[in-house]
C-alpha atoms as a PDB file:
ATOM      1  CA  UNK A   1       7.094   6.059 -35.484  1.00  0.00           C
ATOM      2  CA  UNK A   2       5.952   5.920 -31.899  1.00  0.00           C
ATOM      3  CA  UNK A   3       2.355   6.863 -31.203  1.00  0.00           C
ATOM      4  CA  UNK A   4       1.993   9.976 -29.066  1.00  0.00           C
ATOM      5  CA  UNK A   5      -1.092   8.460 -27.445  1.00  0.00           C
ATOM      6  CA  UNK A   6      -1.536   5.708 -24.898  1.00  0.00           C
ATOM      7  CA  UNK A   7      -4.364   3.719 -23.392  1.00  0.00           C
ATOM      8  CA  UNK A   8      -5.393   4.737 -19.873  1.00  0.00           C
ATOM      9  CA  UNK A   9      -8.187   4.161 -17.370  1.00  0.00           C
ATOM     10  CA  UNK A  10      -9.881   7.478 -16.648  1.00  0.00           C
ATOM     11  CA  UNK A  11     -12.311   8.468 -13.877  1.00  0.00           C
ATOM     12  CA  UNK A  12     -15.321   9.872 -15.758  1.00  0.00           C
ATOM     13  CA  UNK A  13     -16.736  11.371 -12.539  1.00  0.00           C
ATOM     14  CA  UNK A  14     -16.775  10.534  -8.830  1.00  0.00           C
ATOM     15  CA  UNK A  15     -18.812   7.371  -8.290  1.00  0.00           C
ATOM     16  CA  UNK A  16     -18.867   3.572  -8.375  1.00  0.00           C
ATOM     17  CA  UNK A  17     -16.546   1.211 -10.244  1.00  0.00           C
ATOM     18  CA  UNK A  18     -18.449   1.823 -13.479  1.00  0.00           C
ATOM     19  CA  UNK A  19     -17.008   5.364 -13.737  1.00  0.00           C
ATOM     20  CA  UNK A  20     -13.610   3.829 -14.604  1.00  0.00           C
ATOM     21  CA  UNK A  21     -13.489   4.054 -18.381  1.00  0.00           C
ATOM     22  CA  UNK A  22     -10.846   3.096 -20.920  1.00  0.00           C
ATOM     23  CA  UNK A  23      -9.675   5.954 -23.106  1.00  0.00           C
ATOM     24  CA  UNK A  24      -6.769   7.527 -24.929  1.00  0.00           C
ATOM     25  CA  UNK A  25      -4.436  10.123 -23.466  1.00  0.00           C
ATOM     26  CA  UNK A  26      -1.308  11.848 -24.671  1.00  0.00           C
ATOM     27  CA  UNK A  27       1.798   9.977 -23.593  1.00  0.00           C
ATOM     28  CA  UNK A  28       3.478  11.948 -20.761  1.00  0.00           C
ATOM     29  CA  UNK A  29       6.767  13.714 -21.396  1.00  0.00           C
ATOM     30  CA  UNK A  30       9.259  13.245 -18.544  1.00  0.00           C
ATOM     31  CA  UNK A  31      10.625  16.388 -16.907  1.00  0.00           C
ATOM     32  CA  UNK A  32      14.379  16.673 -16.344  1.00  0.00           C
ATOM     33  CA  UNK A  33      14.193  14.822 -12.998  1.00  0.00           C
ATOM     34  CA  UNK A  34      11.739  12.156 -14.189  1.00  0.00           C
ATOM     35  CA  UNK A  35      11.760   8.876 -16.082  1.00  0.00           C
ATOM     36  CA  UNK A  36       9.019   7.657 -18.408  1.00  0.00           C
ATOM     37  CA  UNK A  37       8.022   4.119 -17.403  1.00  0.00           C
ATOM     38  CA  UNK A  38       6.361   1.793 -19.883  1.00  0.00           C
ATOM     39  CA  UNK A  39       3.973   0.116 -17.480  1.00  0.00           C
ATOM     40  CA  UNK A  40       3.760  -3.677 -17.464  1.00  0.00           C
ATOM     41  CA  UNK A  41       1.712  -3.958 -14.269  1.00  0.00           C
ATOM     42  CA  UNK A  42      -0.056  -1.716 -11.768  1.00  0.00           C
ATOM     43  CA  UNK A  43      -1.325  -2.380  -8.261  1.00  0.00           C
ATOM     44  CA  UNK A  44      -4.909  -1.755  -7.143  1.00  0.00           C
ATOM     45  CA  UNK A  45      -5.125  -0.246  -3.663  1.00  0.00           C
ATOM     46  CA  UNK A  46      -7.809   0.961  -1.271  1.00  0.00           C
ATOM     47  CA  UNK A  47      -6.829   4.625  -1.826  1.00  0.00           C
ATOM     48  CA  UNK A  48      -7.634   4.119  -5.538  1.00  0.00           C
ATOM     49  CA  UNK A  49     -11.220   3.340  -4.516  1.00  0.00           C
ATOM     50  CA  UNK A  50     -11.379   6.443  -2.316  1.00  0.00           C
ATOM     51  CA  UNK A  51      -9.912   8.530  -5.142  1.00  0.00           C
ATOM     52  CA  UNK A  52     -12.539   7.210  -7.562  1.00  0.00           C
ATOM     53  CA  UNK A  53     -15.256   8.063  -5.048  1.00  0.00           C
ATOM     54  CA  UNK A  54     -13.875  11.576  -4.569  1.00  0.00           C
ATOM     55  CA  UNK A  55     -13.117  10.850  -0.899  1.00  0.00           C
ATOM     56  CA  UNK A  56      -9.322  10.599  -0.832  1.00  0.00           C
ATOM     57  CA  UNK A  57      -7.505  13.247   1.194  1.00  0.00           C
ATOM     58  CA  UNK A  58      -6.303  16.069  -1.005  1.00  0.00           C
ATOM     59  CA  UNK A  59      -7.727  14.597  -4.227  1.00  0.00           C
ATOM     60  CA  UNK A  60      -9.933  17.593  -5.148  1.00  0.00           C
ATOM     61  CA  UNK A  61     -11.950  17.070  -8.317  1.00  0.00           C
ATOM     62  CA  UNK A  62     -11.353  13.570  -9.679  1.00  0.00           C
ATOM     63  CA  UNK A  63     -12.984  13.948 -13.090  1.00  0.00           C
ATOM     64  CA  UNK A  64     -10.482  13.016 -15.767  1.00  0.00           C
ATOM     65  CA  UNK A  65      -7.874  11.611 -13.369  1.00  0.00           C
ATOM     66  CA  UNK A  66      -6.004   8.375 -14.044  1.00  0.00           C
ATOM     67  CA  UNK A  67      -5.858   6.342 -10.786  1.00  0.00           C
ATOM     68  CA  UNK A  68      -2.961   4.155  -9.721  1.00  0.00           C
ATOM     69  CA  UNK A  69      -0.306   4.587  -7.048  1.00  0.00           C
ATOM     70  CA  UNK A  70       2.223   1.884  -7.943  1.00  0.00           C
ATOM     71  CA  UNK A  71       3.619   0.406 -11.137  1.00  0.00           C
ATOM     72  CA  UNK A  72       6.359  -1.801 -12.500  1.00  0.00           C
ATOM     73  CA  UNK A  73       7.797  -1.739 -15.968  1.00  0.00           C
ATOM     74  CA  UNK A  74      10.741  -0.690 -18.080  1.00  0.00           C
ATOM     75  CA  UNK A  75      12.163   2.772 -18.521  1.00  0.00           C
ATOM     76  CA  UNK A  76      11.307   4.157 -21.959  1.00  0.00           C
ATOM     77  CA  UNK A  77      13.013   7.517 -21.571  1.00  0.00           C
ATOM     78  CA  UNK A  78      15.114   9.391 -19.006  1.00  0.00           C
ATOM     79  CA  UNK A  79      14.928  13.089 -18.253  1.00  0.00           C
ATOM     80  CA  UNK A  80      18.055  15.171 -18.803  1.00  0.00           C
ATOM     81  CA  UNK A  81      19.006  15.317 -15.102  1.00  0.00           C
ATOM     82  CA  UNK A  82      18.535  11.602 -14.359  1.00  0.00           C
ATOM     83  CA  UNK A  83      21.791   9.787 -13.614  1.00  0.00           C
ATOM     84  CA  UNK A  84      20.879   6.526 -11.872  1.00  0.00           C
ATOM     85  CA  UNK A  85      18.640   4.922 -14.490  1.00  0.00           C
ATOM     86  CA  UNK A  86      19.053   3.953 -18.136  1.00  0.00           C
ATOM     87  CA  UNK A  87      16.593   3.124 -20.906  1.00  0.00           C
ATOM     88  CA  UNK A  88      15.172  -0.418 -20.549  1.00  0.00           C
ATOM     89  CA  UNK A  89      16.004  -0.684 -16.821  1.00  0.00           C
ATOM     90  CA  UNK A  90      13.349  -2.698 -14.958  1.00  0.00           C
ATOM     91  CA  UNK A  91      11.875  -0.662 -12.102  1.00  0.00           C
ATOM     92  CA  UNK A  92       8.929  -0.455  -9.776  1.00  0.00           C
ATOM     93  CA  UNK A  93       7.767   2.935  -8.613  1.00  0.00           C
ATOM     94  CA  UNK A  94       5.465   4.886  -6.352  1.00  0.00           C
ATOM     95  CA  UNK A  95       3.372   7.433  -8.257  1.00  0.00           C
ATOM     96  CA  UNK A  96       0.947  10.071  -6.978  1.00  0.00           C
ATOM     97  CA  UNK A  97      -1.554   9.317  -9.744  1.00  0.00           C
ATOM     98  CA  UNK A  98      -1.537   7.835 -13.251  1.00  0.00           C
ATOM     99  CA  UNK A  99      -0.593   4.179 -12.756  1.00  0.00           C
ATOM    100  CA  UNK A 100      -3.541   2.683 -14.671  1.00  0.00           C
ATOM    101  CA  UNK A 101      -1.995   3.498 -18.044  1.00  0.00           C
ATOM    102  CA  UNK A 102       0.508   2.265 -20.623  1.00  0.00           C
ATOM    103  CA  UNK A 103       2.996   4.966 -19.633  1.00  0.00           C
ATOM    104  CA  UNK A 104       3.570   7.130 -16.575  1.00  0.00           C
ATOM    105  CA  UNK A 105       6.163   9.798 -15.797  1.00  0.00           C
ATOM    106  CA  UNK A 106       7.790   9.255 -12.409  1.00  0.00           C
ATOM    107  CA  UNK A 107      10.253  11.161 -10.257  1.00  0.00           C
ATOM    108  CA  UNK A 108      13.412   9.119 -10.777  1.00  0.00           C
ATOM    109  CA  UNK A 109      14.048   9.093  -7.015  1.00  0.00           C
ATOM    110  CA  UNK A 110      10.747   7.262  -6.456  1.00  0.00           C
ATOM    111  CA  UNK A 111      11.850   4.265  -8.529  1.00  0.00           C
ATOM    112  CA  UNK A 112      13.460   1.120  -7.172  1.00  0.00           C
ATOM    113  CA  UNK A 113      14.958  -1.800  -9.082  1.00  0.00           C
ATOM    114  CA  UNK A 114      12.717  -4.804  -9.684  1.00  0.00           C
ATOM    115  CA  UNK A 115      14.022  -7.353  -7.136  1.00  0.00           C
ATOM    116  CA  UNK A 116      15.984 -10.237  -8.627  1.00  0.00           C
ATOM    117  CA  UNK A 117      13.688 -13.090  -9.564  1.00  0.00           C
ATOM    118  CA  UNK A 118      10.487 -11.038  -9.237  1.00  0.00           C
ATOM    119  CA  UNK A 119       8.031 -10.618 -12.124  1.00  0.00           C
ATOM    120  CA  UNK A 120       6.623  -7.227 -13.079  1.00  0.00           C
ATOM    121  CA  UNK A 121       3.267  -8.234 -11.559  1.00  0.00           C
ATOM    122  CA  UNK A 122       4.985  -9.132  -8.291  1.00  0.00           C
ATOM    123  CA  UNK A 123       7.172  -6.022  -8.274  1.00  0.00           C
ATOM    124  CA  UNK A 124       4.200  -3.732  -8.926  1.00  0.00           C
ATOM    125  CA  UNK A 125       2.582  -5.101  -5.753  1.00  0.00           C
ATOM    126  CA  UNK A 126       5.330  -3.563  -3.621  1.00  0.00           C
ATOM    127  CA  UNK A 127       5.635   0.244  -3.622  1.00  0.00           C
ATOM    128  CA  UNK A 128       2.365   1.499  -2.125  1.00  0.00           C
ATOM    129  CA  UNK A 129       2.184  -1.099   0.647  1.00  0.00           C
ATOM    130  CA  UNK A 130       5.908  -1.298   1.441  1.00  0.00           C
ATOM    131  CA  UNK A 131       6.324   2.493   1.530  1.00  0.00           C
ATOM    132  CA  UNK A 132       3.187   2.839   3.685  1.00  0.00           C
ATOM    133  CA  UNK A 133       4.174   0.088   6.119  1.00  0.00           C
ATOM    134  CA  UNK A 134       7.807   1.158   6.433  1.00  0.00           C
ATOM    135  CA  UNK A 135       6.846   4.734   7.219  1.00  0.00           C
ATOM    136  CA  UNK A 136       3.931   4.006   9.541  1.00  0.00           C
ATOM    137  CA  UNK A 137       5.074   0.893  11.400  1.00  0.00           C
ATOM    138  CA  UNK A 138       8.826   1.429  11.549  1.00  0.00           C
ATOM    139  CA  UNK A 139       9.338   5.197  11.283  1.00  0.00           C
ATOM    140  CA  UNK A 140       6.210   6.633  12.950  1.00  0.00           C
ATOM    141  CA  UNK A 141       5.381   3.556  15.060  1.00  0.00           C
ATOM    142  CA  UNK A 142       9.048   2.891  15.933  1.00  0.00           C
ATOM    143  CA  UNK A 143       8.488  -0.879  16.104  1.00  0.00           C
ATOM    144  CA  UNK A 144      11.580  -2.524  17.562  1.00  0.00           C
ATOM    145  CA  UNK A 145      12.883  -6.086  17.476  1.00  0.00           C
ATOM    146  CA  UNK A 146      11.227  -8.059  20.281  1.00  0.00           C
ATOM    147  CA  UNK A 147       8.143  -5.825  20.440  1.00  0.00           C
ATOM    148  CA  UNK A 148       4.641  -6.911  19.446  1.00  0.00           C
ATOM    149  CA  UNK A 149       2.666  -5.495  16.502  1.00  0.00           C
ATOM    150  CA  UNK A 150      -1.100  -5.798  15.980  1.00  0.00           C
ATOM    151  CA  UNK A 151      -2.205  -5.480  12.342  1.00  0.00           C
ATOM    152  CA  UNK A 152      -5.888  -5.017  11.561  1.00  0.00           C
ATOM    153  CA  UNK A 153      -6.954  -6.207   8.122  1.00  0.00           C
ATOM    154  CA  UNK A 154      -4.151  -8.751   8.122  1.00  0.00           C
ATOM    155  CA  UNK A 155      -5.057 -10.286   4.747  1.00  0.00           C
ATOM    156  CA  UNK A 156      -5.128  -6.959   2.894  1.00  0.00           C
ATOM    157  CA  UNK A 157      -2.216  -5.722   0.804  1.00  0.00           C
ATOM    158  CA  UNK A 158      -1.077  -3.557   3.709  1.00  0.00           C
ATOM    159  CA  UNK A 159      -1.650  -6.400   6.162  1.00  0.00           C
ATOM    160  CA  UNK A 160       0.382  -9.044   4.339  1.00  0.00           C
ATOM    161  CA  UNK A 161       3.225  -6.539   4.015  1.00  0.00           C
ATOM    162  CA  UNK A 162       3.166  -5.473   7.667  1.00  0.00           C
ATOM    163  CA  UNK A 163       3.042  -9.072   8.917  1.00  0.00           C
ATOM    164  CA  UNK A 164       5.957 -10.197   6.773  1.00  0.00           C
ATOM    165  CA  UNK A 165       8.202  -7.202   7.442  1.00  0.00           C
ATOM    166  CA  UNK A 166       7.609  -7.179  11.208  1.00  0.00           C
ATOM    167  CA  UNK A 167       8.145 -10.941  11.423  1.00  0.00           C
ATOM    168  CA  UNK A 168      11.334 -10.764   9.315  1.00  0.00           C
ATOM    169  CA  UNK A 169      12.721  -7.982  11.511  1.00  0.00           C
ATOM    170  CA  UNK A 170      12.200  -9.860  14.757  1.00  0.00           C
ATOM    171  CA  UNK A 171       8.845  -8.733  16.139  1.00  0.00           C
ATOM    172  CA  UNK A 172       5.927 -10.784  17.363  1.00  0.00           C
ATOM    173  CA  UNK A 173       2.856 -10.185  15.186  1.00  0.00           C
ATOM    174  CA  UNK A 174      -0.857 -10.446  15.911  1.00  0.00           C
ATOM    175  CA  UNK A 175      -3.487  -9.843  13.241  1.00  0.00           C
ATOM    176  CA  UNK A 176      -7.236  -9.646  12.779  1.00  0.00           C
ATOM    177  CA  UNK A 177      -9.134 -10.798   9.697  1.00  0.00           C
ATOM    178  CA  UNK A 178     -12.721 -11.589   8.738  1.00  0.00           C
ATOM    179  CA  UNK A 179     -12.608 -15.345   8.060  1.00  0.00           C
ATOM    180  CA  UNK A 180     -10.793 -18.484   9.140  1.00  0.00           C
ATOM    181  CA  UNK A 181      -9.300 -18.729   5.623  1.00  0.00           C
ATOM    182  CA  UNK A 182      -7.900 -15.198   5.896  1.00  0.00           C
ATOM    183  CA  UNK A 183      -6.538 -15.961   9.368  1.00  0.00           C
ATOM    184  CA  UNK A 184      -4.797 -19.075   8.034  1.00  0.00           C
ATOM    185  CA  UNK A 185      -3.161 -16.929   5.344  1.00  0.00           C
ATOM    186  CA  UNK A 186      -1.920 -14.472   7.980  1.00  0.00           C
ATOM    187  CA  UNK A 187      -0.414 -17.308  10.021  1.00  0.00           C
ATOM    188  CA  UNK A 188       1.318 -18.708   6.932  1.00  0.00           C
ATOM    189  CA  UNK A 189       2.987 -15.313   6.382  1.00  0.00           C
ATOM    190  CA  UNK A 190       4.444 -15.150   9.886  1.00  0.00           C
ATOM    191  CA  UNK A 191       1.689 -13.922  12.204  1.00  0.00           C
ATOM    192  CA  UNK A 192       1.938 -15.557  15.641  1.00  0.00           C
ATOM    193  CA  UNK A 193      -1.801 -15.280  16.178  1.00  0.00           C
ATOM    194  CA  UNK A 194      -4.761 -14.153  14.050  1.00  0.00           C
ATOM    195  CA  UNK A 195      -8.208 -13.399  15.460  1.00  0.00           C
ATOM    196  CA  UNK A 196     -11.336 -13.822  13.336  1.00  0.00           C
ATOM    197  CA  UNK A 197     -13.075 -10.619  14.406  1.00  0.00           C
ATOM    198  CA  UNK A 198     -16.443 -11.984  13.274  1.00  0.00           C
ATOM    199  CA  UNK A 199     -16.351 -14.832  15.792  1.00  0.00           C
ATOM    200  CA  UNK A 200     -14.128 -13.550  18.624  1.00  0.00           C
ATOM    201  CA  UNK A 201     -13.422 -10.337  20.551  1.00  0.00           C
ATOM    202  CA  UNK A 202      -9.898  -9.381  19.519  1.00  0.00           C
ATOM    203  CA  UNK A 203      -9.490  -7.117  22.557  1.00  0.00           C
ATOM    204  CA  UNK A 204     -10.264  -9.874  25.060  1.00  0.00           C
ATOM    205  CA  UNK A 205      -8.170 -12.426  23.158  1.00  0.00           C
ATOM    206  CA  UNK A 206      -5.102 -10.187  22.971  1.00  0.00           C
ATOM    207  CA  UNK A 207      -5.364  -8.813  26.516  1.00  0.00           C
ATOM    208  CA  UNK A 208      -4.806 -12.419  27.544  1.00  0.00           C
ATOM    209  CA  UNK A 209      -1.593 -12.327  25.463  1.00  0.00           C
ATOM    210  CA  UNK A 210      -0.326  -9.330  27.432  1.00  0.00           C
ATOM    211  CA  UNK A 211      -1.231  -6.562  25.008  1.00  0.00           C
ATOM    212  CA  UNK A 212       0.819  -5.028  22.198  1.00  0.00           C
ATOM    213  CA  UNK A 213       3.365  -2.269  21.614  1.00  0.00           C
ATOM    214  CA  UNK A 214       2.210  -0.958  18.226  1.00  0.00           C
ATOM    215  CA  UNK A 215      -1.157  -1.114  16.457  1.00  0.00           C
ATOM    216  CA  UNK A 216      -1.473  -0.498  12.708  1.00  0.00           C
ATOM    217  CA  UNK A 217      -5.123   0.389  12.190  1.00  0.00           C
ATOM    218  CA  UNK A 218      -7.116   0.997   9.023  1.00  0.00           C
ATOM    219  CA  UNK A 219     -10.508   0.519  10.717  1.00  0.00           C
ATOM    220  CA  UNK A 220     -11.045   3.364  13.193  1.00  0.00           C
ATOM    221  CA  UNK A 221     -14.522   3.725  14.726  1.00  0.00           C
ATOM    222  CA  UNK A 222     -15.139   1.523  17.747  1.00  0.00           C
ATOM    223  CA  UNK A 223     -11.758  -0.187  17.248  1.00  0.00           C
ATOM    224  CA  UNK A 224     -10.033   2.946  18.557  1.00  0.00           C
ATOM    225  CA  UNK A 225     -10.786   2.603  22.294  1.00  0.00           C
ATOM    226  CA  UNK A 226     -10.105  -1.143  22.068  1.00  0.00           C
ATOM    227  CA  UNK A 227      -6.736  -0.501  20.430  1.00  0.00           C
ATOM    228  CA  UNK A 228      -5.789   2.015  23.118  1.00  0.00           C
ATOM    229  CA  UNK A 229      -6.732  -0.381  25.921  1.00  0.00           C
ATOM    230  CA  UNK A 230      -4.593  -3.087  24.288  1.00  0.00           C
ATOM    231  CA  UNK A 231      -1.488  -0.935  24.126  1.00  0.00           C
ATOM    232  CA  UNK A 232       1.227  -1.476  26.711  1.00  0.00           C
ATOM    233  CA  UNK A 233       2.756   1.529  28.429  1.00  0.00           C
ATOM    234  CA  UNK A 234       4.535   3.744  25.873  1.00  0.00           C
ATOM    235  CA  UNK A 235       2.564   2.019  23.106  1.00  0.00           C
ATOM    236  CA  UNK A 236       1.852   3.562  19.689  1.00  0.00           C
ATOM    237  CA  UNK A 237      -1.422   3.567  17.726  1.00  0.00           C
ATOM    238  CA  UNK A 238      -0.903   4.366  14.032  1.00  0.00           C
ATOM    239  CA  UNK A 239      -3.824   5.152  11.715  1.00  0.00           C
ATOM    240  CA  UNK A 240      -3.618   4.692   7.955  1.00  0.00           C
ATOM    241  CA  UNK A 241      -7.376   4.713   7.296  1.00  0.00           C
ATOM    242  CA  UNK A 242     -10.682   4.824   9.181  1.00  0.00           C
ATOM    243  CA  UNK A 243     -12.981   2.538   7.214  1.00  0.00           C
ATOM    244  CA  UNK A 244     -15.517   2.245  10.053  1.00  0.00           C
ATOM    245  CA  UNK A 245     -15.523   5.910  10.985  1.00  0.00           C
ATOM    246  CA  UNK A 246     -13.107   8.743  11.670  1.00  0.00           C
ATOM    247  CA  UNK A 247     -14.510   9.736  15.065  1.00  0.00           C
ATOM    248  CA  UNK A 248     -13.986   7.912  18.346  1.00  0.00           C
ATOM    249  CA  UNK A 249     -13.939   8.633  22.066  1.00  0.00           C
ATOM    250  CA  UNK A 250     -11.008   7.909  24.328  1.00  0.00           C
ATOM    251  CA  UNK A 251      -9.779   8.870  27.772  1.00  0.00           C
ATOM    252  CA  UNK A 252      -7.063  11.517  27.495  1.00  0.00           C
ATOM    253  CA  UNK A 253      -5.990  10.929  31.085  1.00  0.00           C
ATOM    254  CA  UNK A 254      -5.286   7.298  30.222  1.00  0.00           C
ATOM    255  CA  UNK A 255      -3.141   8.431  27.267  1.00  0.00           C
ATOM    256  CA  UNK A 256      -1.147  10.603  29.669  1.00  0.00           C
ATOM    257  CA  UNK A 257      -0.867   8.029  32.428  1.00  0.00           C
ATOM    258  CA  UNK A 258       0.431   5.304  30.120  1.00  0.00           C
ATOM    259  CA  UNK A 259       2.366   7.644  27.810  1.00  0.00           C
ATOM    260  CA  UNK A 260       0.594   6.437  24.677  1.00  0.00           C
ATOM    261  CA  UNK A 261       1.148   7.932  21.230  1.00  0.00           C
ATOM    262  CA  UNK A 262      -1.588   8.328  18.604  1.00  0.00           C
ATOM    263  CA  UNK A 263      -0.356   9.109  15.100  1.00  0.00           C
ATOM    264  CA  UNK A 264      -1.029   8.330  11.458  1.00  0.00           C
ATOM    265  CA  UNK A 265      -0.417   9.483   7.916  1.00  0.00           C
ATOM    266  CA  UNK A 266      -1.447   9.393   4.287  1.00  0.00           C
ATOM    267  CA  UNK A 267       1.236   9.026   1.636  1.00  0.00           C
ATOM    268  CA  UNK A 268      -0.139  10.631  -1.518  1.00  0.00           C
ATOM    269  CA  UNK A 269      -0.070  14.306  -0.419  1.00  0.00           C
ATOM    270  CA  UNK A 270       3.490  14.143   0.915  1.00  0.00           C
ATOM    271  CA  UNK A 271       6.273  16.056  -0.860  1.00  0.00           C
ATOM    272  CA  UNK A 272       8.464  14.577  -3.579  1.00  0.00           C
ATOM    273  CA  UNK A 273      11.459  15.043  -1.250  1.00  0.00           C
ATOM    274  CA  UNK A 274       9.772  13.061   1.529  1.00  0.00           C
ATOM    275  CA  UNK A 275       8.931  10.205  -0.857  1.00  0.00           C
ATOM    276  CA  UNK A 276      12.501  10.202  -2.182  1.00  0.00           C
ATOM    277  CA  UNK A 277      13.869   9.891   1.342  1.00  0.00           C
ATOM    278  CA  UNK A 278      11.362   7.133   2.089  1.00  0.00           C
ATOM    279  CA  UNK A 279      12.307   5.275  -1.103  1.00  0.00           C
ATOM    280  CA  UNK A 280      15.972   5.354  -0.049  1.00  0.00           C
ATOM    281  CA  UNK A 281      15.077   3.991   3.406  1.00  0.00           C
ATOM    282  CA  UNK A 282      12.961   1.240   1.858  1.00  0.00           C
ATOM    283  CA  UNK A 283      15.733   0.236  -0.529  1.00  0.00           C
ATOM    284  CA  UNK A 284      18.238   0.083   2.324  1.00  0.00           C
ATOM    285  CA  UNK A 285      16.054  -1.748   4.837  1.00  0.00           C
ATOM    286  CA  UNK A 286      13.458  -3.749   2.893  1.00  0.00           C
ATOM    287  CA  UNK A 287      15.029  -4.665  -0.458  1.00  0.00           C
ATOM    288  CA  UNK A 288      17.586  -7.036   1.145  1.00  0.00           C
ATOM    289  CA  UNK A 289      14.667  -8.943   2.703  1.00  0.00           C
ATOM    290  CA  UNK A 290      13.039  -9.344  -0.716  1.00  0.00           C
ATOM    291  CA  UNK A 291      16.141 -10.660  -2.438  1.00  0.00           C
ATOM    292  CA  UNK A 292      16.852 -12.843   0.603  1.00  0.00           C
ATOM    293  CA  UNK A 293      13.480 -14.564   0.311  1.00  0.00           C
ATOM    294  CA  UNK A 294      12.219 -13.278   3.687  1.00  0.00           C
ATOM    295  CA  UNK A 295       9.249 -11.586   2.035  1.00  0.00           C
ATOM    296  CA  UNK A 296       7.076 -13.099  -0.670  1.00  0.00           C
ATOM    297  CA  UNK A 297       4.484 -11.511  -2.950  1.00  0.00           C
ATOM    298  CA  UNK A 298       0.878 -12.574  -2.358  1.00  0.00           C
ATOM    299  CA  UNK A 299      -1.083 -11.959  -5.561  1.00  0.00           C
ATOM    300  CA  UNK A 300      -4.801 -12.748  -5.320  1.00  0.00           C
ATOM    301  CA  UNK A 301      -5.964 -11.956  -8.850  1.00  0.00           C
ATOM    302  CA  UNK A 302      -4.666 -10.261 -11.990  1.00  0.00           C
ATOM    303  CA  UNK A 303      -7.014  -8.308 -14.257  1.00  0.00           C
ATOM    304  CA  UNK A 304      -6.397  -6.806 -17.679  1.00  0.00           C
ATOM    305  CA  UNK A 305      -6.144  -3.001 -17.691  1.00  0.00           C
ATOM    306  CA  UNK A 306      -9.575  -2.753 -19.331  1.00  0.00           C
ATOM    307  CA  UNK A 307     -11.034  -4.710 -16.392  1.00  0.00           C
ATOM    308  CA  UNK A 308     -10.154  -2.028 -13.815  1.00  0.00           C
ATOM    309  CA  UNK A 309     -13.827  -1.643 -12.828  1.00  0.00           C
ATOM    310  CA  UNK A 310     -14.045  -5.367 -11.994  1.00  0.00           C
ATOM    311  CA  UNK A 311     -10.805  -5.081 -10.007  1.00  0.00           C
ATOM    312  CA  UNK A 312     -12.357  -2.262  -7.966  1.00  0.00           C
ATOM    313  CA  UNK A 313     -15.505  -4.318  -7.371  1.00  0.00           C
ATOM    314  CA  UNK A 314     -13.335  -7.097  -5.959  1.00  0.00           C
ATOM    315  CA  UNK A 315     -11.395  -4.614  -3.805  1.00  0.00           C
ATOM    316  CA  UNK A 316     -14.643  -3.246  -2.350  1.00  0.00           C
ATOM    317  CA  UNK A 317     -15.969  -6.768  -1.646  1.00  0.00           C
ATOM    318  CA  UNK A 318     -12.945  -7.459   0.617  1.00  0.00           C
ATOM    319  CA  UNK A 319     -13.101 -11.086  -0.544  1.00  0.00           C
ATOM    320  CA  UNK A 320      -9.423 -11.058  -1.527  1.00  0.00           C
ATOM    321  CA  UNK A 321      -6.341 -12.235   0.327  1.00  0.00           C
ATOM    322  CA  UNK A 322      -3.331 -10.239  -0.792  1.00  0.00           C
ATOM    323  CA  UNK A 323      -2.932  -7.948  -3.776  1.00  0.00           C
ATOM    324  CA  UNK A 324      -5.177  -7.219  -6.744  1.00  0.00           C
ATOM    325  CA  UNK A 325      -3.197  -6.316  -9.858  1.00  0.00           C
ATOM    326  CA  UNK A 326      -3.699  -4.915 -13.356  1.00  0.00           C
ATOM    327  CA  UNK A 327      -1.656  -6.312 -16.243  1.00  0.00           C
ATOM    328  CA  UNK A 328      -0.937  -3.786 -18.962  1.00  0.00           C
ATOM    329  CA  UNK A 329      -0.591  -5.191 -22.474  1.00  0.00           C
ATOM    330  CA  UNK A 330       2.356  -4.329 -24.670  1.00  0.00           C
ATOM    331  CA  UNK A 331       2.248  -0.593 -25.194  1.00  0.00           C
ATOM    332  CA  UNK A 332       1.915   0.934 -28.652  1.00  0.00           C
ATOM    333  CA  UNK A 333       5.229   1.289 -30.424  1.00  0.00           C
END
């Protein structure tokens, strides 16, 4: 008989990595429109750190929450209204919370098939970053073939995704990163140029290249005026985080004169309908690139589920290049 309980990583209280504790929870029951995924792998993302710290937009109280925004695994059960999926289908999925566990209930529309030839670890590295990049770079930022994209944090999970997708879809890509090793990784993924921001002024270097059309920024702070000065006329600055500070000064008259756009978004608070629409757009536009070999997973390190605290320590160190993943052992049966 199947156990009604599952192993999960639970936030004991807002705080450091040590507040991530292994525990038992009741296995979720899928609603009519949901599937129950037996999780084989889960991605670790910067928003998970903010959630754990109690700083993520719209998170409220985090005590007792199970972090995790993306998973891959097999479908254990389908809700009564689900038509696309069947038991044992291999899927990866975007979830609002709950990925660091043996099972998670997911809106069936937020699932995508594991790409042919991809492992569960590799597939679980996709949803959070691909959904975020597709929406912010291509939908909000309106990056077009032949335009130039600047990606800050080029060796992060978001960065490696943005570089590869923009390159595959015909844009020129510049990136910044914090070491020569990270810059080399960005170049190997399709960046035309990568600036080590610790040894060079990215603004001066890229002004000499003629500026950029779209900036994907997770830094904020004093990067903001530099980003705006780098934008060409009609350029777009898109924020997905503000790790160095949410406040910045800029010249509104310059925004008007050069018709610049400043935008940004966070994914977790968006409606289920929005995420379903985004999933459909991602499957149509990005999945062919994955199966065609134009995008490759970059996995830096895989931790066991019980080692989630160590995975968060690595994430906060920013020593990684690519994705940090959790491998979930065979669930109780």
